[in-house]
Amino acid sequence: MPKEQATKTLTCPVETTLKIIGGRWKVLIIHFLLNDTMRFGELTRSLNGISARTLSKQLRELEADGVVHRKDFGEIPPKVEYSLTPLGRSLEQVLLSMEAWGSTVEKQRTKRKSS
């Protein structure tokens, strides 16, 4: 079977969402960009532990999916800023819900450990 035909068609909206924002870094990138426009170095420092190669790849993917906007000022040294598109901003409630859920889980775990 040709590779094009073997590609799975996404039929579930949750699967589509996970394809776009899934992985270790994408949600965190979006989280930081919700606060403000950031440059590559600022994102690298905020995302402690991410390599430049990985960050670059994740940003390219988010840009290709219409979540992140990349503004290149065409200067030397290079000045590039990243911000969320309206589609990216629409993820704010999703991330706030994830944060609330995570806080609830952390509290439950803390309670169990101290019992």
N, C-alpha and C. Protein backbone atom coordinates (compact mmCIF):
# COMPACT_ATOMS: atom_id res chain seq x y z
N MET A 1 0.85 -1.18 0.00
CA MET A 1 0.00 0.00 0.00
C MET A 1 0.89 1.24 0.00
N PRO A 2 0.65 2.21 -0.90
CA PRO A 2 1.45 3.43 -0.92
C PRO A 2 1.33 4.19 0.40
N LYS A 3 2.40 4.90 0.73
CA LYS A 3 2.45 5.61 2.00
C LYS A 3 1.29 6.60 2.14
N GLU A 4 0.91 7.28 1.06
CA GLU A 4 -0.17 8.27 1.12
C GLU A 4 -1.49 7.61 1.54
N GLN A 5 -1.74 6.40 1.08
CA GLN A 5 -2.97 5.70 1.42
C GLN A 5 -2.91 5.13 2.84
N ALA A 6 -1.72 4.89 3.33
CA ALA A 6 -1.58 4.31 4.67
C ALA A 6 -1.76 5.36 5.76
N THR A 7 -1.71 6.64 5.42
CA THR A 7 -1.85 7.70 6.41
C THR A 7 -3.25 7.66 7.01
N LYS A 8 -3.31 7.65 8.32
CA LYS A 8 -4.58 7.56 9.03
C LYS A 8 -5.31 8.91 8.98
N THR A 9 -6.59 8.86 8.67
CA THR A 9 -7.41 10.05 8.68
C THR A 9 -7.91 10.28 10.10
N LEU A 10 -7.75 11.51 10.59
CA LEU A 10 -8.23 11.83 11.93
C LEU A 10 -9.73 12.05 11.88
N THR A 11 -10.45 11.35 12.73
CA THR A 11 -11.90 11.47 12.73
C THR A 11 -12.44 11.95 14.07
N CYS A 12 -11.61 12.05 15.06
CA CYS A 12 -12.04 12.45 16.40
C CYS A 12 -11.46 13.83 16.72
N PRO A 13 -12.30 14.78 17.13
CA PRO A 13 -11.80 16.12 17.45
C PRO A 13 -10.72 16.13 18.55
N VAL A 14 -10.83 15.23 19.51
CA VAL A 14 -9.81 15.16 20.56
C VAL A 14 -8.48 14.72 19.95
N GLU A 15 -8.53 13.78 19.04
CA GLU A 15 -7.32 13.31 18.36
C GLU A 15 -6.69 14.45 17.55
N THR A 16 -7.52 15.23 16.89
CA THR A 16 -7.03 16.39 16.13
C THR A 16 -6.32 17.37 17.06
N THR A 17 -6.95 17.65 18.20
CA THR A 17 -6.36 18.57 19.18
C THR A 17 -5.01 18.05 19.67
N LEU A 18 -4.96 16.77 20.02
CA LEU A 18 -3.71 16.18 20.51
C LEU A 18 -2.63 16.17 19.45
N LYS A 19 -3.02 15.97 18.19
CA LYS A 19 -2.04 16.01 17.10
C LYS A 19 -1.39 17.39 17.02
N ILE A 20 -2.16 18.43 17.27
CA ILE A 20 -1.64 19.79 17.14
C ILE A 20 -0.89 20.25 18.39
N ILE A 21 -1.41 19.96 19.58
CA ILE A 21 -0.78 20.49 20.79
C ILE A 21 -0.16 19.42 21.67
N GLY A 22 -0.16 18.16 21.21
CA GLY A 22 0.38 17.08 22.02
C GLY A 22 1.89 17.12 22.12
N GLY A 23 2.40 16.37 23.05
CA GLY A 23 3.84 16.31 23.26
C GLY A 23 4.24 17.07 24.51
N ARG A 24 5.50 16.95 24.83
CA ARG A 24 6.00 17.53 26.08
C ARG A 24 6.03 19.04 26.08
N TRP A 25 6.33 19.66 24.95
CA TRP A 25 6.65 21.09 24.94
C TRP A 25 5.57 22.01 24.38
N LYS A 26 4.74 21.54 23.47
CA LYS A 26 3.83 22.45 22.78
C LYS A 26 2.86 23.17 23.71
N VAL A 27 2.28 22.46 24.65
CA VAL A 27 1.34 23.11 25.57
C VAL A 27 2.07 24.15 26.41
N LEU A 28 3.30 23.86 26.81
CA LEU A 28 4.07 24.82 27.60
C LEU A 28 4.45 26.05 26.77
N ILE A 29 4.78 25.85 25.51
CA ILE A 29 5.07 26.98 24.62
C ILE A 29 3.84 27.88 24.53
N ILE A 30 2.69 27.27 24.31
CA ILE A 30 1.43 28.03 24.23
C ILE A 30 1.16 28.74 25.54
N HIS A 31 1.39 28.04 26.65
CA HIS A 31 1.18 28.62 27.98
C HIS A 31 2.00 29.92 28.15
N PHE A 32 3.26 29.89 27.79
CA PHE A 32 4.09 31.08 27.94
C PHE A 32 3.70 32.18 26.95
N LEU A 33 3.31 31.80 25.75
CA LEU A 33 2.91 32.80 24.76
C LEU A 33 1.55 33.41 25.06
N LEU A 34 0.75 32.78 25.91
CA LEU A 34 -0.51 33.39 26.33
C LEU A 34 -0.25 34.68 27.10
N ASN A 35 0.88 34.73 27.80
CA ASN A 35 1.21 35.91 28.61
C ASN A 35 1.75 37.06 27.77
N ASP A 36 2.52 36.74 26.73
CA ASP A 36 3.15 37.82 25.97
C ASP A 36 3.85 37.26 24.74
N THR A 37 4.16 38.13 23.80
CA THR A 37 5.01 37.81 22.67
C THR A 37 6.41 37.55 23.22
N MET A 38 7.10 36.55 22.68
CA MET A 38 8.42 36.21 23.18
C MET A 38 9.38 35.95 22.04
N ARG A 39 10.65 36.19 22.32
CA ARG A 39 11.71 35.84 21.37
C ARG A 39 12.20 34.43 21.68
N PHE A 40 12.95 33.86 20.74
CA PHE A 40 13.42 32.48 20.85
C PHE A 40 14.18 32.26 22.16
N GLY A 41 15.10 33.15 22.48
CA GLY A 41 15.90 33.00 23.70
C GLY A 41 15.06 33.06 24.95
N GLU A 42 14.05 33.91 24.96
CA GLU A 42 13.15 34.01 26.11
C GLU A 42 12.39 32.69 26.31
N LEU A 43 11.92 32.12 25.20
CA LEU A 43 11.23 30.83 25.28
C LEU A 43 12.17 29.74 25.78
N THR A 44 13.39 29.74 25.27
CA THR A 44 14.38 28.74 25.69
C THR A 44 14.60 28.80 27.20
N ARG A 45 14.77 30.01 27.72
CA ARG A 45 14.98 30.17 29.17
C ARG A 45 13.74 29.78 29.97
N SER A 46 12.56 30.10 29.46
CA SER A 46 11.31 29.77 30.16
C SER A 46 11.06 28.27 30.18
N LEU A 47 11.44 27.60 29.10
CA LEU A 47 11.23 26.16 28.96
C LEU A 47 12.51 25.43 29.37
N ASN A 48 12.85 25.53 30.61
CA ASN A 48 14.07 24.96 31.13
C ASN A 48 14.22 23.50 30.70
N GLY A 49 15.30 23.21 29.97
CA GLY A 49 15.57 21.84 29.56
C GLY A 49 15.30 21.55 28.09
N ILE A 50 14.72 22.48 27.36
CA ILE A 50 14.45 22.24 25.94
C ILE A 50 15.69 22.60 25.12
N SER A 51 15.99 21.81 24.12
CA SER A 51 17.12 22.13 23.25
C SER A 51 16.65 23.11 22.18
N ALA A 52 17.58 23.85 21.62
CA ALA A 52 17.25 24.81 20.56
C ALA A 52 16.64 24.09 19.36
N ARG A 53 17.16 22.93 19.05
CA ARG A 53 16.64 22.15 17.91
C ARG A 53 15.18 21.76 18.13
N THR A 54 14.88 21.27 19.34
CA THR A 54 13.52 20.84 19.66
C THR A 54 12.57 22.04 19.67
N LEU A 55 12.98 23.14 20.29
CA LEU A 55 12.13 24.33 20.33
C LEU A 55 11.84 24.82 18.92
N SER A 56 12.86 24.87 18.11
CA SER A 56 12.70 25.31 16.72
C SER A 56 11.69 24.43 15.98
N LYS A 57 11.81 23.12 16.15
CA LYS A 57 10.91 22.17 15.50
C LYS A 57 9.48 22.36 15.99
N GLN A 58 9.30 22.48 17.29
CA GLN A 58 7.97 22.65 17.87
C GLN A 58 7.32 23.95 17.40
N LEU A 59 8.10 25.02 17.36
CA LEU A 59 7.58 26.31 16.89
C LEU A 59 7.18 26.24 15.42
N ARG A 60 8.00 25.57 14.60
CA ARG A 60 7.65 25.41 13.17
C ARG A 60 6.34 24.65 13.01
N GLU A 61 6.17 23.59 13.79
CA GLU A 61 4.94 22.80 13.71
C GLU A 61 3.73 23.61 14.16
N LEU A 62 3.87 24.35 15.26
CA LEU A 62 2.77 25.18 15.73
C LEU A 62 2.44 26.28 14.73
N GLU A 63 3.46 26.81 14.08
CA GLU A 63 3.23 27.82 13.04
C GLU A 63 2.50 27.20 11.85
N ALA A 64 2.93 26.03 11.42
CA ALA A 64 2.30 25.35 10.29
C ALA A 64 0.84 25.01 10.58
N ASP A 65 0.52 24.75 11.85
CA ASP A 65 -0.85 24.43 12.23
C ASP A 65 -1.68 25.68 12.53
N GLY A 66 -1.08 26.87 12.38
CA GLY A 66 -1.84 28.11 12.55
C GLY A 66 -2.02 28.55 13.99
N VAL A 67 -1.24 27.98 14.91
CA VAL A 67 -1.37 28.31 16.33
C VAL A 67 -0.43 29.45 16.73
N VAL A 68 0.75 29.48 16.13
CA VAL A 68 1.78 30.47 16.46
C VAL A 68 2.09 31.31 15.23
N HIS A 69 2.32 32.61 15.48
CA HIS A 69 2.74 33.53 14.43
C HIS A 69 4.22 33.86 14.66
N ARG A 70 5.00 33.79 13.60
CA ARG A 70 6.43 34.11 13.65
C ARG A 70 6.66 35.41 12.90
N LYS A 71 7.22 36.39 13.61
CA LYS A 71 7.51 37.68 12.98
C LYS A 71 9.02 37.86 12.90
N ASP A 72 9.54 37.87 11.67
CA ASP A 72 10.97 38.05 11.43
C ASP A 72 11.19 39.50 11.04
N PHE A 73 12.01 40.19 11.82
CA PHE A 73 12.26 41.61 11.57
C PHE A 73 13.30 41.83 10.48
N GLY A 74 13.92 40.77 10.01
CA GLY A 74 14.91 40.89 8.93
C GLY A 74 16.14 41.68 9.32
N GLU A 75 16.51 41.61 10.57
CA GLU A 75 17.66 42.35 11.07
C GLU A 75 18.84 41.42 11.31
N ILE A 76 20.01 42.03 11.41
CA ILE A 76 21.20 41.30 11.81
C ILE A 76 21.76 42.01 13.04
N PRO A 77 21.93 41.33 14.17
CA PRO A 77 21.62 39.92 14.40
C PRO A 77 20.11 39.67 14.27
N PRO A 78 19.77 38.42 13.99
CA PRO A 78 18.36 38.10 13.76
C PRO A 78 17.46 38.47 14.94
N LYS A 79 16.33 39.06 14.63
CA LYS A 79 15.32 39.36 15.63
C LYS A 79 14.01 38.73 15.15
N VAL A 80 13.54 37.75 15.90
CA VAL A 80 12.32 37.03 15.57
C VAL A 80 11.46 36.98 16.83
N GLU A 81 10.18 37.27 16.67
CA GLU A 81 9.26 37.20 17.80
C GLU A 81 8.16 36.18 17.50
N TYR A 82 7.70 35.53 18.55
CA TYR A 82 6.64 34.54 18.43
C TYR A 82 5.45 35.00 19.27
N SER A 83 4.27 34.85 18.70
CA SER A 83 3.03 35.18 19.40
C SER A 83 1.97 34.18 18.98
N LEU A 84 0.86 34.21 19.69
CA LEU A 84 -0.23 33.32 19.35
C LEU A 84 -1.14 33.97 18.32
N THR A 85 -1.63 33.18 17.42
CA THR A 85 -2.65 33.62 16.47
C THR A 85 -4.00 33.60 17.22
N PRO A 86 -5.05 34.11 16.61
CA PRO A 86 -6.37 33.96 17.26
C PRO A 86 -6.72 32.49 17.54
N LEU A 87 -6.34 31.59 16.65
CA LEU A 87 -6.56 30.16 16.89
C LEU A 87 -5.79 29.71 18.13
N GLY A 88 -4.55 30.15 18.25
CA GLY A 88 -3.75 29.81 19.43
C GLY A 88 -4.34 30.39 20.70
N ARG A 89 -4.81 31.62 20.64
CA ARG A 89 -5.43 32.27 21.80
C ARG A 89 -6.70 31.54 22.23
N SER A 90 -7.37 30.91 21.27
CA SER A 90 -8.60 30.19 21.61
C SER A 90 -8.33 28.97 22.49
N LEU A 91 -7.07 28.60 22.66
CA LEU A 91 -6.70 27.49 23.54
C LEU A 91 -6.60 27.90 25.01
N GLU A 92 -6.76 29.18 25.30
CA GLU A 92 -6.59 29.67 26.67
C GLU A 92 -7.48 28.93 27.67
N GLN A 93 -8.75 28.78 27.36
CA GLN A 93 -9.66 28.09 28.29
C GLN A 93 -9.28 26.62 28.47
N VAL A 94 -8.80 26.01 27.40
CA VAL A 94 -8.35 24.62 27.48
C VAL A 94 -7.19 24.52 28.46
N LEU A 95 -6.21 25.42 28.33
CA LEU A 95 -5.05 25.39 29.22
C LEU A 95 -5.42 25.74 30.66
N LEU A 96 -6.35 26.68 30.85
CA LEU A 96 -6.79 27.01 32.20
C LEU A 96 -7.49 25.81 32.84
N SER A 97 -8.27 25.08 32.06
CA SER A 97 -8.92 23.87 32.58
C SER A 97 -7.88 22.81 32.93
N MET A 98 -6.86 22.66 32.10
CA MET A 98 -5.79 21.71 32.38
C MET A 98 -5.05 22.10 33.66
N GLU A 99 -4.81 23.39 33.83
CA GLU A 99 -4.13 23.87 35.04
C GLU A 99 -4.96 23.57 36.28
N ALA A 100 -6.27 23.83 36.22
CA ALA A 100 -7.15 23.56 37.36
C ALA A 100 -7.18 22.07 37.68
N TRP A 101 -7.27 21.24 36.65
CA TRP A 101 -7.29 19.80 36.85
C TRP A 101 -5.98 19.34 37.48
N GLY A 102 -4.85 19.84 36.97
CA GLY A 102 -3.54 19.49 37.52
C GLY A 102 -3.40 19.89 38.97
N SER A 103 -3.91 21.06 39.33
CA SER A 103 -3.87 21.51 40.73
C SER A 103 -4.67 20.57 41.63
N THR A 104 -5.83 20.15 41.16
CA THR A 104 -6.66 19.21 41.92
C THR A 104 -5.93 17.90 42.14
N VAL A 105 -5.30 17.38 41.10
CA VAL A 105 -4.56 16.12 41.21
C VAL A 105 -3.39 16.27 42.18
N GLU A 106 -2.65 17.39 42.08
CA GLU A 106 -1.52 17.61 42.99
C GLU A 106 -1.98 17.66 44.44
N LYS A 107 -3.10 18.32 44.70
CA LYS A 107 -3.63 18.40 46.08
C LYS A 107 -4.01 17.02 46.59
N GLN A 108 -4.65 16.22 45.74
CA GLN A 108 -5.03 14.86 46.14
C GLN A 108 -3.81 14.01 46.45
N ARG A 109 -2.78 14.15 45.63
CA ARG A 109 -1.55 13.38 45.85
C ARG A 109 -0.88 13.80 47.16
N THR A 110 -0.86 15.09 47.42
CA THR A 110 -0.26 15.61 48.65
C THR A 110 -1.03 15.08 49.87
N LYS A 111 -2.36 15.07 49.77
CA LYS A 111 -3.19 14.55 50.86
C LYS A 111 -2.89 13.09 51.14
N ARG A 112 -2.78 12.29 50.05
CA ARG A 112 -2.52 10.86 50.20
C ARG A 112 -1.15 10.60 50.83
N LYS A 113 -0.16 11.40 50.45
CA LYS A 113 1.20 11.21 50.98
C LYS A 113 1.26 11.57 52.46
N SER A 114 0.47 12.56 52.87
CA SER A 114 0.53 12.98 54.27
C SER A 114 -0.40 12.17 55.16
N SER A 115 -1.22 11.29 54.58
CA SER A 115 -2.14 10.46 55.38
C SER A 115 -1.43 9.26 55.96
